[in-house]
Amino acid sequence: MEIVITAWALDSYLDLKHSGAFTVAEYKKTIRPDVSLMKVFPNDPKFKVNTFWGPAIGISPVPKGYKFK
């Protein structure tokens, strides 16, 4: 699987980080482990939960593209 982090995703993360939307502890305990699950896609139960994961959609659906929600 190819993992692409878009400029929009990075900018969003940085905006949230700098605004204090999550703590370092929340990042280490929740956010980072969820992102690391991409290494085992689709072999984790979280990928079957539609509030965790979904199809990537830009102007139109991105073929074989997924996003975290």
Protein backbone atom coordinates (compact mmCIF):
# COMPACT_ATOMS: atom_id res chain seq x y z
CA MET A 1 0.00 0.00 0.00
CA GLU A 2 1.24 3.46 -0.84
CA ILE A 3 0.64 6.04 1.89
CA VAL A 4 0.31 9.64 0.77
CA ILE A 5 0.04 12.44 3.28
CA THR A 6 -1.41 15.43 1.49
CA ALA A 7 -0.46 19.03 2.15
CA TRP A 8 -4.04 19.56 3.36
CA ALA A 9 -3.69 16.72 5.90
CA LEU A 10 -0.37 18.02 7.20
CA ASP A 11 -1.64 21.60 7.40
CA SER A 12 -4.77 20.43 9.24
CA TYR A 13 -2.69 18.44 11.72
CA LEU A 14 -0.37 21.40 12.35
CA ASP A 15 -3.31 23.79 12.79
CA LEU A 16 -4.92 21.44 15.32
CA LYS A 17 -1.63 20.86 17.13
CA HIS A 18 -0.80 24.56 17.43
CA SER A 19 -4.33 25.48 18.51
CA GLY A 20 -4.13 23.00 21.40
CA ALA A 21 -6.92 20.78 20.06
CA PHE A 22 -5.14 17.75 21.52
CA THR A 23 -2.42 17.19 24.07
CA VAL A 24 0.90 15.45 23.52
CA ALA A 25 -0.48 12.58 25.62
CA GLU A 26 -3.60 12.29 23.40
CA TYR A 27 -1.39 12.32 20.32
CA LYS A 28 0.83 9.54 21.70
CA LYS A 29 -2.02 7.44 23.12
CA THR A 30 -4.69 7.77 20.40
CA ILE A 31 -3.77 9.63 17.23
CA ARG A 32 -0.34 8.19 16.44
CA PRO A 33 -1.33 4.56 17.10
CA ASP A 34 -4.35 4.96 14.80
CA VAL A 35 -2.18 6.41 12.04
CA SER A 36 0.31 3.57 12.53
CA LEU A 37 -2.49 1.09 11.78
CA MET A 38 -2.08 2.05 8.13
CA LYS A 39 0.89 -0.34 8.11
CA VAL A 40 -1.50 -3.28 8.61
CA PHE A 41 -4.41 -2.10 6.42
CA PRO A 42 -6.98 -3.70 6.19
CA ASN A 43 -6.10 -6.21 8.92
CA ASP A 44 -7.40 -4.38 11.97
CA PRO A 45 -11.02 -4.28 13.20
CA LYS A 46 -10.99 -0.46 13.24
CA PHE A 47 -10.96 -0.44 9.43
CA LYS A 48 -14.45 -1.96 9.50
CA VAL A 49 -15.83 0.94 11.59
CA ASN A 50 -17.26 3.64 9.33
CA THR A 51 -16.75 6.38 11.95
CA PHE A 52 -13.00 5.62 11.96
CA TRP A 53 -12.26 5.17 8.28
CA GLY A 54 -13.89 5.95 4.96
CA PRO A 55 -13.39 6.53 1.26
CA ALA A 56 -11.28 9.50 0.22
CA ILE A 57 -13.29 12.01 -1.77
CA GLY A 58 -11.91 15.08 -3.45
CA ILE A 59 -13.89 16.64 -6.27
CA SER A 60 -14.79 13.00 -6.93
CA PRO A 61 -13.91 9.72 -5.16
CA VAL A 62 -10.20 8.94 -5.17
CA PRO A 63 -9.63 5.44 -6.61
CA LYS A 64 -8.37 3.12 -3.85
CA GLY A 65 -8.18 6.15 -1.54
CA TYR A 66 -9.15 6.17 2.12
CA LYS A 67 -9.18 8.75 4.88
CA PHE A 68 -9.32 8.83 8.66
CA LYS A 69 -12.40 10.54 10.05
